[in-house]
Amino acid sequence: MRNLRAHVEQSFRQRGLAPAGERLLVAVSGGLDSVVLLHVLRALVPRFDWQLGVAHFNHQLRGRSAAGDEQFVRRLAGAWALPFFAGRAAVRSLARTQKLSLEMAAREARHAFLAQTAAHFQAATVALAHHADDQVELFFLRLFRGAGGEGLGGMKWRSPSPARAGLTLIRPLLDVPREALLAYARQHRLTWREDVTNASRDIKRNRIRHELVPLVKAQYQPALARTVPRLMAIIRAEAEAVQAAAEDWRSRKPRPAFATLPVAVQRAVVQAQLLERGLAPDFNLIETLRLRPNHPASVDSRTTVTRKVSGCVQVTIQSAPRPPTRRLSTPASFRTEHQRLRLRGAGGEAEWGGVRFRWRLMQRRGDRRPPARPGVEWLDADAVGSEIELRHWRPGDRFQPIGLPAPAKLQDLLTNAGIPRERRRALVVAATAEGRLFWVEGLRLGEPGKLTSRTIRRLQWRWQRL
């Protein structure tokens, strides 16, 4: 790639990544990729009239090395006369207290920092330095996990922030191989920081990077960084077309016969209904339902699922025998079960944890709320996200009801609300895909999902304890 700047400029213009004249926050770790991204965007400022800001997040996972990264980026921003914003969090402690993987806890904390910093900087866009080699590694990771078209489609050039509605994440280097970034850095005599953990073979992504990818390049396809991202773009477009066809079929009245749909669309129709009902869309379960109408398929000891000839999926849950009464002196154990829901289409319903949920998605701007009704809340659909988790209270959970200035221990909130100890661990909570609680049974709505003046889509959230 002879002229990286011209290539990135063309990507911005052709893909509409960021309008001219706006504020652009650049996430900079201090590594090769993000240093090159910042250098290129700074060089393009005269052409786009951007105001750049530099954001660095310290995960506090590598001791002095992490502190050195932060100091390096701070000095770089100062040398290039750019405003600098730093954030930090004890990610290992967050992962432990919130019962998240280290990767998920780091991602959640990082995106929360970027969202807060973008709001402070008054930027509507955050630039990330993911590149073509990252896409290749992600492709193999998801391929080995058995992902479908949506997963194999990889990262997008533009995507909404998982932490704040209205904030856009862009990836201007997504089709640029790492070797081109390295050549650019050497040409312009740039310096950067090396993350020693990138060499660890204990991490699966690193094994793919250092073992599998070099083998495939050497013996099968030298241009892997071009061919795989191209394949991912094709898969993504086709997966989006299948999802659109499934949604179109579900919205029709009358509907064409389910059996006449293409196989991929049949699978998407069944998958969407399983997700709406809080059931994991296992491939074998989808195929059983797709191929055997009116045949009950067991999900667990109490739950069966049936696909009617019409294409509608029905869930039957048998009542569990009432457990023997516990002595109040015996502490109840925390419940670890959970269900993922995909909020798609116009609406849906599910039953979980002894509660029936119904939801509707609609286009309506602003923060004006309808009159209050028991068992009904209105939320910002984009703030909540398209995938949520239903579960019970866990140790270390924190929740920020509307009006509270900061998150508090959920245990303290339940105590203050007068909810008996023996009932607390059976209460159902709802969390975003990043793990932020936005609804707790028996408490008022949380800050993460509240309607604001920036709300574009609304989620009507209804519940009833059975």
Foldseek 3Di string as FASTA:
>chain_A
DPDPLVLLVVCCVVVVLDAAQFEEEEEAQQALQSVLVVVSVLVCCVVRVYQYAYEYEQACPPPPLSVVSLVNVVVVCVVVVHHYYYYYDPLVVVCVQLVHDSVLSVLLVVLQVVVVVCVVVVGQEYEYRAALVNLLLQLVVVVVVVDALQSNLGDDQWDARLADPRHIYGHSHHLPDVVVSVVVCVVVVHDGDDDVCLCDPVDPSSCCVPPVVVVCCVPPNVVSSRVSNVVSNVSNVVLVVLLVVLLVQVPDVPHDFLVPDPPSNLLNNQCQQCQQAQHHSDVVVSVCQSVDAPDWDDPDPFWTWGQHRRGDIDIGGDDDPDDDDDDPVDADDADDDKTKHFADHQWGWYDDLQKIKIKGKDFDAFQDDDDDDPQKDKWQDVLQDRMKMKGFDDRNDWFAAPPRPDTDGPVVVCVVLVPDSVCRSSWIFMHGPSSHTQDTPPDHGGPSTHHHNGRGMMMMMGMDRD
